């Protein structure tokens, strides 16, 4: 069975339409869940459908040079179409909200590990007699404050000297 470019295009069009429907369902406003959604749920239906379609196509068609050329052309068009779809989808408020929830979930999971790592690092630096990040930051803040105070003193002295120069002796 030989596959023509029109058949490939038709298969691609159906796949994009079905995938767009999946994305529309995923992006439709729903009441907030008690826990943030699993980010892989967002991609899994689309990717599974594409892989199943490709597996069927390769099982039915021998890999001839003509077919591989058509396949490359199809892939180029498919990538371009998905690029446009993803660009539009990623620009939506719902996508941003989903990504924000996903990031919040990741950060919440990492928080205990980060805190433990910071504590271990602090203990190691203390054992080595080295300053911690917080101590270095505190010293830097004090230096900046001293520089600001010196500038104010210099400005005050300059103003006093200018006043003294203007007054008759």
Protein backbone atom coordinates (compact mmCIF):
# COMPACT_ATOMS: atom_id res chain seq x y z
CA UNK A 1 0.00 0.00 0.00
CA UNK A 2 1.56 3.30 -1.10
CA UNK A 3 0.85 6.47 0.83
CA UNK A 4 0.37 9.68 -1.15
CA UNK A 5 1.14 13.19 0.09
CA UNK A 6 -2.60 13.90 0.20
CA UNK A 7 -3.16 10.92 2.50
CA UNK A 8 -0.33 12.08 4.74
CA UNK A 9 -1.74 15.60 4.80
CA UNK A 10 -5.25 14.32 5.57
CA UNK A 11 -3.91 12.16 8.40
CA UNK A 12 -1.97 15.14 9.74
CA UNK A 13 -5.04 17.41 9.51
CA UNK A 14 -7.17 14.92 11.47
CA UNK A 15 -4.45 14.55 14.08
CA UNK A 16 -4.13 18.32 14.51
CA UNK A 17 -7.91 18.72 14.81
CA UNK A 18 -8.16 15.94 17.38
CA UNK A 19 -5.19 17.34 19.28
CA UNK A 20 -6.67 20.84 19.21
CA UNK A 21 -9.85 19.43 20.74
CA UNK A 22 -7.81 17.79 23.51
CA UNK A 23 -6.00 21.07 24.19
CA UNK A 24 -9.29 22.99 24.18
CA UNK A 25 -10.70 20.64 26.80
CA UNK A 26 -7.53 20.99 28.87
CA UNK A 27 -7.60 24.78 28.64
CA UNK A 28 -11.32 25.25 29.29
CA UNK A 29 -12.06 26.97 32.60
CA UNK A 30 -12.70 24.45 35.34
CA UNK A 31 -13.18 24.92 39.05
CA UNK A 32 -9.78 25.00 40.81
CA UNK A 33 -8.60 21.59 41.92
CA UNK A 34 -7.59 20.92 45.50
CA UNK A 35 -4.08 20.10 44.31
CA UNK A 36 -2.25 21.48 41.29
CA UNK A 37 -2.63 19.29 38.18
CA UNK A 38 0.07 16.97 36.97
CA UNK A 39 1.85 18.85 34.14
CA UNK A 40 2.32 15.66 32.11
CA UNK A 41 -1.46 15.33 31.84
CA UNK A 42 -1.37 18.39 29.60
CA UNK A 43 0.96 16.79 27.01
CA UNK A 44 0.24 13.06 27.29
CA UNK A 45 -2.99 12.84 25.19
CA UNK A 46 -1.46 14.72 22.27
CA UNK A 47 1.82 12.81 22.27
CA UNK A 48 0.16 9.41 22.72
CA UNK A 49 -2.15 10.06 19.79
CA UNK A 50 0.74 11.09 17.54
CA UNK A 51 2.83 8.06 18.44
CA UNK A 52 -0.07 5.68 17.79
CA UNK A 53 -0.72 7.26 14.39
CA UNK A 54 2.95 7.00 13.39
CA UNK A 55 3.15 3.37 14.54
CA UNK A 56 0.13 2.45 12.37
CA UNK A 57 1.53 4.29 9.37
CA UNK A 58 4.93 2.58 9.54
CA UNK A 59 3.33 -0.83 10.08
CA UNK A 60 1.32 -0.43 6.84
CA UNK A 61 3.88 1.22 4.53
CA UNK A 62 7.37 0.07 3.50
CA UNK A 63 10.16 2.62 3.95
CA UNK A 64 10.98 3.50 0.33
CA UNK A 65 13.03 6.60 -0.61
CA UNK A 66 9.88 8.27 -1.98
CA UNK A 67 8.00 7.55 1.23
CA UNK A 68 10.88 8.86 3.35
CA UNK A 69 10.98 12.08 1.30
CA UNK A 70 7.23 12.49 1.75
CA UNK A 71 7.64 11.71 5.42
CA UNK A 72 10.31 14.40 5.83
CA UNK A 73 8.10 16.94 4.05
CA UNK A 74 5.19 15.90 6.26
CA UNK A 75 7.35 16.21 9.40
CA UNK A 76 8.47 19.70 8.39
CA UNK A 77 4.84 20.77 7.92
CA UNK A 78 3.82 19.03 11.14
CA UNK A 79 6.54 20.78 13.14
CA UNK A 80 5.57 24.15 11.66
CA UNK A 81 1.88 23.58 12.46
CA UNK A 82 2.64 22.52 16.04
CA UNK A 83 4.94 25.48 16.45
CA UNK A 84 2.06 27.80 15.59
CA UNK A 85 -0.42 25.93 17.79
CA UNK A 86 1.95 25.83 20.75
CA UNK A 87 2.82 29.49 20.30
CA UNK A 88 -0.85 30.44 20.41
CA UNK A 89 -1.61 28.11 23.31
CA UNK A 90 1.35 29.24 25.38
CA UNK A 91 0.16 32.83 25.01
CA UNK A 92 -3.13 32.14 26.80
CA UNK A 93 -3.94 33.09 30.37
CA UNK A 94 -5.03 29.51 31.16
CA UNK A 95 -1.66 28.11 30.03
CA UNK A 96 0.19 30.68 32.14
CA UNK A 97 -2.00 29.76 35.11
CA UNK A 98 -1.31 26.05 34.60
CA UNK A 99 2.44 26.66 34.31
CA UNK A 100 2.33 28.82 37.44
CA UNK A 101 0.57 26.06 39.37
CA UNK A 102 3.09 23.56 38.09
CA UNK A 103 6.01 25.78 39.13
CA UNK A 104 4.45 26.32 42.56
CA UNK A 105 4.13 22.56 42.97
CA UNK A 106 7.77 21.97 41.99
CA UNK A 107 8.99 24.71 44.32
CA UNK A 108 6.89 23.34 47.17
CA UNK A 109 8.40 19.89 46.64
CA UNK A 110 11.94 21.29 46.50
CA UNK A 111 11.62 23.54 49.56
CA UNK A 112 12.49 20.91 52.21
CA UNK A 113 15.51 19.72 50.19
CA UNK A 114 16.73 23.25 49.65
CA UNK A 115 16.39 24.09 53.34
CA UNK A 116 18.31 20.95 54.32
CA UNK A 117 21.05 21.72 51.78
CA UNK A 118 21.35 25.29 53.08
CA UNK A 119 21.64 24.02 56.66
CA UNK A 120 24.34 21.51 55.72
CA UNK A 121 26.23 24.12 53.75
CA UNK A 122 26.01 26.56 56.67
CA UNK A 123 27.34 23.90 59.06
CA UNK A 124 30.18 22.98 56.70
CA UNK A 125 31.22 26.62 56.26
CA UNK A 126 31.06 27.16 60.00
CA UNK A 127 33.21 24.08 60.62
CA UNK A 128 35.78 25.40 58.11
CA UNK A 129 35.73 28.85 59.66
CA UNK A 130 34.40 30.45 56.46
CA UNK A 131 31.64 33.07 56.27
CA UNK A 132 28.23 32.04 55.04
CA UNK A 133 26.32 33.74 52.26
CA UNK A 134 24.17 35.56 54.81
CA UNK A 135 27.23 36.84 56.65
CA UNK A 136 28.89 38.06 53.43
CA UNK A 137 25.62 39.73 52.38
CA UNK A 138 25.33 41.44 55.78
CA UNK A 139 28.90 42.79 55.51
CA UNK A 140 28.24 44.03 51.96
CA UNK A 141 25.08 45.79 53.16
CA UNK A 142 27.04 47.49 55.96
CA UNK A 143 29.69 48.65 53.46
CA UNK A 144 27.04 50.15 51.20
CA UNK A 145 25.45 51.93 54.16
CA UNK A 146 28.88 53.29 55.20
CA UNK A 147 29.50 54.55 51.66
CA UNK A 148 26.15 56.33 51.70
CA UNK A 149 26.93 57.93 55.06
CA UNK A 150 30.36 59.07 53.81
CA UNK A 151 28.79 60.65 50.72
CA UNK A 152 26.32 62.55 52.93
CA UNK A 153 29.18 63.75 55.17
CA UNK A 154 31.20 64.83 52.11
CA UNK A 155 28.17 66.69 50.73
CA UNK A 156 27.66 68.44 54.09
CA UNK A 157 31.33 69.43 54.37
CA UNK A 158 31.27 70.70 50.77
CA UNK A 159 28.18 72.81 51.50
CA UNK A 160 29.79 74.26 54.67
CA UNK A 161 33.01 75.12 52.77
CA UNK A 162 31.04 76.83 49.99
CA UNK A 163 29.17 78.88 52.57
CA UNK A 164 32.40 79.84 54.28
CA UNK A 165 33.93 80.92 50.95
CA UNK A 166 30.99 83.24 50.29
CA UNK A 167 31.17 85.00 53.64
CA UNK A 168 33.51 88.00 54.01
CA UNK A 169 36.52 87.50 56.23
